[in-house]
Amino acid sequence: MGEKPFACEKCKYRTSDHNSLRRHKMQHSGVRPYRCPYCDYASIQSTTFKVHLKDKHPGLGKYRQ
């Protein structure tokens, strides 16, 4: 098993990638920087936000943060 030096202080989550830990910590804090301008959806990651816009609000323009 690969080494996972990055650990969450609030749970048992560990990872080998510091960005994965940063995103994980947002789940504990409730931070969702990507908010949909058309509904109540909010996301931690821009990629999932863009998929939401494409699937749920097609043709409504580019995403805004």
Protein backbone atom coordinates (compact mmCIF):
# COMPACT_ATOMS: atom_id res chain seq x y z
CA MET A 1 0.00 0.00 0.00
CA GLY A 2 1.31 3.48 -0.86
CA GLU A 3 2.43 5.98 1.71
CA LYS A 4 -0.22 8.53 2.78
CA PRO A 5 1.56 11.26 4.73
CA PHE A 6 -1.29 13.82 4.61
CA ALA A 7 -3.85 13.27 7.38
CA CYS A 8 -7.07 14.98 8.37
CA GLU A 9 -7.15 16.22 11.97
CA LYS A 10 -10.91 15.65 12.27
CA CYS A 11 -11.26 12.08 11.01
CA LYS A 12 -9.23 9.08 9.88
CA TYR A 13 -8.87 10.24 6.25
CA ARG A 14 -5.31 10.00 4.86
CA THR A 15 -3.97 10.66 1.37
CA SER A 16 -0.76 10.88 -0.61
CA ASP A 17 -1.87 14.14 -2.27
CA HIS A 18 -1.98 17.47 -0.43
CA ASN A 19 -4.68 18.83 -2.77
CA SER A 20 -6.93 15.88 -1.99
CA LEU A 21 -6.53 16.67 1.71
CA ARG A 22 -7.36 20.34 1.09
CA ARG A 23 -10.58 19.36 -0.72
CA HIS A 24 -11.42 16.81 1.98
CA LYS A 25 -11.10 19.45 4.71
CA MET A 26 -13.66 21.59 2.87
CA GLN A 27 -16.21 18.85 3.53
CA HIS A 28 -15.74 19.34 7.28
CA SER A 29 -15.85 23.14 7.07
CA GLY A 30 -18.84 23.33 4.73
CA VAL A 31 -16.95 25.57 2.30
CA ARG A 32 -18.37 25.29 -1.22
CA PRO A 33 -16.66 27.94 -3.37
CA TYR A 34 -18.45 27.06 -6.62
CA ARG A 35 -22.10 28.14 -6.42
CA CYS A 36 -24.64 27.75 -9.18
CA PRO A 37 -26.28 31.03 -10.22
CA TYR A 38 -29.42 29.13 -11.33
CA CYS A 39 -30.18 26.89 -8.33
CA ASP A 40 -28.99 26.03 -4.80
CA TYR A 41 -26.21 23.66 -5.95
CA ALA A 42 -22.71 24.31 -4.59
CA SER A 43 -19.50 22.35 -5.03
CA ILE A 44 -15.99 22.00 -3.66
CA GLN A 45 -14.47 21.36 -7.10
CA SER A 46 -14.78 23.33 -10.32
CA THR A 47 -14.93 20.13 -12.39
CA THR A 48 -18.06 18.83 -10.67
CA PHE A 49 -19.56 22.32 -10.81
CA LYS A 50 -19.03 22.49 -14.58
CA VAL A 51 -20.63 19.06 -15.00
CA HIS A 52 -23.62 20.28 -12.96
CA LEU A 53 -24.05 23.33 -15.19
CA LYS A 54 -23.78 21.27 -18.37
CA ASP A 55 -26.23 18.61 -17.18
CA LYS A 56 -28.76 20.70 -15.25
CA HIS A 57 -28.65 24.07 -17.02
CA PRO A 58 -27.54 23.45 -20.61
CA GLY A 59 -27.16 26.50 -22.80
CA LEU A 60 -27.26 29.03 -19.98
CA GLY A 61 -23.72 30.31 -20.50
CA LYS A 62 -20.34 29.96 -18.89
CA TYR A 63 -19.95 29.22 -15.23
CA ARG A 64 -19.46 31.91 -12.62
CA GLN A 65 -17.88 31.41 -9.24
